[in-house]
Structure formats: structure tokens, C-alpha cells
Amino acid sequence: QLRVVGPGHPLTATVGQDVVLPCHLSPQRDARSLEVRWIRDSISETVHHYRNGEDVYGEQMQAYAGRTEL
């Protein structure tokens, strides 16, 4: 079973600055051929969507427009 693993501790970010949210797949696998969807609260609230090797911005929440990439 494929899992997304993030850091085991909280990350600190400064307002207005970039932050990298590190994660990896377990077991290790190349994610370029996968569909990755980061959602907030429900399927209709998309923070970021990645499919077919590229970022898909069409359904992204306005609050995150221009602020995310994979």
C-alpha cells in the first residue's frame, strides 16, 4: 500500500515567506506518473492537484492560486 509520509513534527513558517512541506512516498516510488491531490476539508476544496506530470490549477481554491507547486 502506497502512503504519503510527512515530517513527524510541526513546521514553522513566517507569513509572506516560502515554505517547503517535505514528504515522500512509502514504499519509495517515482510520483511523476501518479495523480496527487491535496485537499482541504472536502473533495471540493483543492489546495493543489498534480496529474500526468504537471500541476493542474483549474480547480484550485482561489486562496491558494499562484502559491503552490509540486
N, C-alpha and C. Protein backbone atom coordinates (compact mmCIF):
# COMPACT_ATOMS: atom_id res chain seq x y z
N GLN A 1 0.84 -1.19 0.00
CA GLN A 1 0.00 0.00 0.00
C GLN A 1 0.88 1.24 0.00
N LEU A 2 0.58 2.16 -0.88
CA LEU A 2 1.35 3.40 -1.03
C LEU A 2 0.87 4.43 -0.02
N ARG A 3 1.81 5.06 0.70
CA ARG A 3 1.47 6.08 1.69
C ARG A 3 2.31 7.32 1.45
N VAL A 4 1.75 8.49 1.76
CA VAL A 4 2.50 9.74 1.77
C VAL A 4 2.93 9.99 3.20
N VAL A 5 4.23 10.17 3.39
CA VAL A 5 4.80 10.36 4.73
C VAL A 5 5.37 11.76 4.83
N GLY A 6 4.94 12.50 5.85
CA GLY A 6 5.45 13.85 6.10
C GLY A 6 6.32 13.85 7.34
N PRO A 7 6.80 15.03 7.73
CA PRO A 7 7.65 15.12 8.92
C PRO A 7 6.86 14.73 10.17
N GLY A 8 7.56 14.23 11.15
CA GLY A 8 6.94 13.81 12.39
C GLY A 8 6.85 14.93 13.41
N HIS A 9 6.99 16.15 12.97
CA HIS A 9 6.96 17.31 13.87
C HIS A 9 6.32 18.49 13.15
N PRO A 10 5.82 19.48 13.89
CA PRO A 10 5.23 20.68 13.25
C PRO A 10 6.30 21.48 12.51
N LEU A 11 5.89 22.14 11.44
CA LEU A 11 6.77 23.04 10.71
C LEU A 11 6.42 24.47 11.04
N THR A 12 7.43 25.33 11.11
CA THR A 12 7.23 26.74 11.39
C THR A 12 7.43 27.54 10.11
N ALA A 13 6.51 28.45 9.84
CA ALA A 13 6.61 29.29 8.65
C ALA A 13 6.38 30.74 9.05
N THR A 14 7.00 31.65 8.29
CA THR A 14 6.83 33.08 8.51
C THR A 14 5.88 33.61 7.44
N VAL A 15 4.92 34.41 7.84
CA VAL A 15 3.96 34.98 6.90
C VAL A 15 4.70 35.74 5.81
N GLY A 16 4.33 35.45 4.55
CA GLY A 16 4.94 36.13 3.42
C GLY A 16 6.17 35.45 2.86
N GLN A 17 6.67 34.42 3.54
CA GLN A 17 7.85 33.71 3.08
C GLN A 17 7.47 32.35 2.52
N ASP A 18 8.31 31.79 1.65
CA ASP A 18 8.09 30.46 1.10
C ASP A 18 8.38 29.41 2.15
N VAL A 19 7.67 28.29 2.03
CA VAL A 19 7.93 27.15 2.92
C VAL A 19 7.80 25.88 2.08
N VAL A 20 8.67 24.92 2.34
CA VAL A 20 8.61 23.62 1.69
C VAL A 20 8.00 22.64 2.67
N LEU A 21 6.96 21.96 2.23
CA LEU A 21 6.31 20.94 3.05
C LEU A 21 6.85 19.59 2.58
N PRO A 22 7.89 19.08 3.24
CA PRO A 22 8.54 17.86 2.76
C PRO A 22 7.67 16.62 2.97
N CYS A 23 7.71 15.74 1.98
CA CYS A 23 7.04 14.45 2.11
C CYS A 23 7.66 13.49 1.11
N HIS A 24 7.39 12.21 1.31
CA HIS A 24 7.87 11.20 0.37
C HIS A 24 6.89 10.04 0.36
N LEU A 25 7.00 9.20 -0.65
CA LEU A 25 6.14 8.04 -0.76
C LEU A 25 6.80 6.84 -0.09
N SER A 26 5.98 6.04 0.54
CA SER A 26 6.45 4.81 1.16
C SER A 26 5.53 3.68 0.73
N PRO A 27 6.06 2.63 0.12
CA PRO A 27 7.46 2.46 -0.28
C PRO A 27 7.84 3.47 -1.35
N GLN A 28 9.16 3.71 -1.45
CA GLN A 28 9.68 4.72 -2.37
C GLN A 28 9.21 4.45 -3.79
N ARG A 29 8.75 5.50 -4.47
CA ARG A 29 8.25 5.38 -5.85
C ARG A 29 8.33 6.75 -6.52
N ASP A 30 8.50 6.76 -7.82
CA ASP A 30 8.53 7.98 -8.59
C ASP A 30 7.09 8.47 -8.75
N ALA A 31 6.80 9.68 -8.30
CA ALA A 31 5.43 10.21 -8.31
C ALA A 31 5.04 10.88 -9.62
N ARG A 32 5.97 11.00 -10.57
CA ARG A 32 5.67 11.71 -11.82
C ARG A 32 4.53 11.08 -12.60
N SER A 33 4.31 9.78 -12.46
CA SER A 33 3.24 9.12 -13.20
C SER A 33 1.95 9.00 -12.38
N LEU A 34 1.94 9.54 -11.18
CA LEU A 34 0.79 9.42 -10.29
C LEU A 34 -0.06 10.69 -10.31
N GLU A 35 -1.28 10.56 -9.82
CA GLU A 35 -2.13 11.72 -9.59
C GLU A 35 -2.06 12.04 -8.10
N VAL A 36 -1.73 13.28 -7.79
CA VAL A 36 -1.62 13.72 -6.40
C VAL A 36 -2.60 14.87 -6.20
N ARG A 37 -3.46 14.75 -5.22
CA ARG A 37 -4.43 15.81 -4.94
C ARG A 37 -4.34 16.15 -3.45
N TRP A 38 -4.06 17.43 -3.17
CA TRP A 38 -4.01 17.93 -1.80
C TRP A 38 -5.31 18.68 -1.59
N ILE A 39 -6.12 18.19 -0.67
CA ILE A 39 -7.43 18.81 -0.44
C ILE A 39 -7.52 19.33 0.98
N ARG A 40 -8.46 20.23 1.16
CA ARG A 40 -8.71 20.81 2.47
C ARG A 40 -10.17 20.59 2.82
N ASP A 41 -10.41 19.82 3.85
CA ASP A 41 -11.74 19.55 4.41
C ASP A 41 -12.66 18.69 3.55
N SER A 42 -12.75 18.94 2.26
CA SER A 42 -13.62 18.13 1.43
C SER A 42 -13.06 18.06 0.02
N ILE A 43 -13.57 17.16 -0.78
CA ILE A 43 -13.06 16.96 -2.13
C ILE A 43 -13.21 18.21 -2.99
N SER A 44 -14.12 19.10 -2.66
CA SER A 44 -14.33 20.30 -3.49
C SER A 44 -13.37 21.44 -3.13
N GLU A 45 -12.56 21.28 -2.10
CA GLU A 45 -11.62 22.33 -1.70
C GLU A 45 -10.19 21.89 -2.03
N THR A 46 -9.78 22.12 -3.26
CA THR A 46 -8.47 21.67 -3.73
C THR A 46 -7.41 22.73 -3.46
N VAL A 47 -6.38 22.32 -2.72
CA VAL A 47 -5.23 23.18 -2.48
C VAL A 47 -4.26 23.05 -3.65
N HIS A 48 -4.01 21.80 -4.08
CA HIS A 48 -3.14 21.56 -5.23
C HIS A 48 -3.49 20.24 -5.89
N HIS A 49 -3.34 20.19 -7.21
CA HIS A 49 -3.63 18.99 -7.98
C HIS A 49 -2.51 18.79 -8.99
N TYR A 50 -1.98 17.57 -9.03
CA TYR A 50 -0.89 17.22 -9.94
C TYR A 50 -1.32 15.97 -10.69
N ARG A 51 -1.23 16.01 -12.04
CA ARG A 51 -1.66 14.86 -12.85
C ARG A 51 -0.89 14.86 -14.16
N ASN A 52 -0.56 13.66 -14.61
CA ASN A 52 0.14 13.49 -15.90
C ASN A 52 1.41 14.32 -15.99
N GLY A 53 2.15 14.40 -14.88
CA GLY A 53 3.44 15.09 -14.89
C GLY A 53 3.38 16.60 -14.82
N GLU A 54 2.19 17.16 -14.54
CA GLU A 54 2.13 18.63 -14.45
C GLU A 54 1.11 19.08 -13.40
N ASP A 55 1.30 20.30 -12.93
CA ASP A 55 0.39 20.90 -11.98
C ASP A 55 -0.90 21.29 -12.71
N VAL A 56 -2.05 21.05 -12.08
CA VAL A 56 -3.36 21.37 -12.66
C VAL A 56 -4.00 22.42 -11.76
N TYR A 57 -4.21 23.61 -12.30
CA TYR A 57 -4.67 24.71 -11.46
C TYR A 57 -6.15 25.06 -11.62
N GLY A 58 -6.87 24.44 -12.55
CA GLY A 58 -8.23 24.81 -12.86
C GLY A 58 -9.23 24.72 -11.72
N GLU A 59 -9.04 23.79 -10.81
CA GLU A 59 -10.00 23.61 -9.71
C GLU A 59 -9.43 24.05 -8.35
N GLN A 60 -8.30 24.72 -8.39
CA GLN A 60 -7.63 25.15 -7.16
C GLN A 60 -8.42 26.26 -6.46
N MET A 61 -8.48 26.19 -5.12
CA MET A 61 -9.11 27.25 -4.33
C MET A 61 -8.41 28.57 -4.61
N GLN A 62 -9.18 29.64 -4.74
CA GLN A 62 -8.63 30.96 -5.03
C GLN A 62 -7.59 31.38 -4.00
N ALA A 63 -7.79 31.01 -2.75
CA ALA A 63 -6.85 31.40 -1.69
C ALA A 63 -5.44 30.84 -1.91
N TYR A 64 -5.32 29.79 -2.74
CA TYR A 64 -4.01 29.16 -2.99
C TYR A 64 -3.49 29.43 -4.40
N ALA A 65 -4.21 30.20 -5.19
CA ALA A 65 -3.80 30.48 -6.57
C ALA A 65 -2.43 31.13 -6.61
N GLY A 66 -1.53 30.56 -7.40
CA GLY A 66 -0.19 31.09 -7.54
C GLY A 66 0.72 30.84 -6.37
N ARG A 67 0.28 30.01 -5.42
CA ARG A 67 1.06 29.81 -4.19
C ARG A 67 1.58 28.40 -4.01
N THR A 68 1.20 27.45 -4.89
CA THR A 68 1.61 26.06 -4.70
C THR A 68 2.24 25.48 -5.95
N GLU A 69 3.10 24.50 -5.76
CA GLU A 69 3.66 23.72 -6.87
C GLU A 69 4.17 22.40 -6.31
N LEU A 70 4.26 21.42 -7.19
CA LEU A 70 4.78 20.11 -6.76
C LEU A 70 5.98 19.79 -7.61
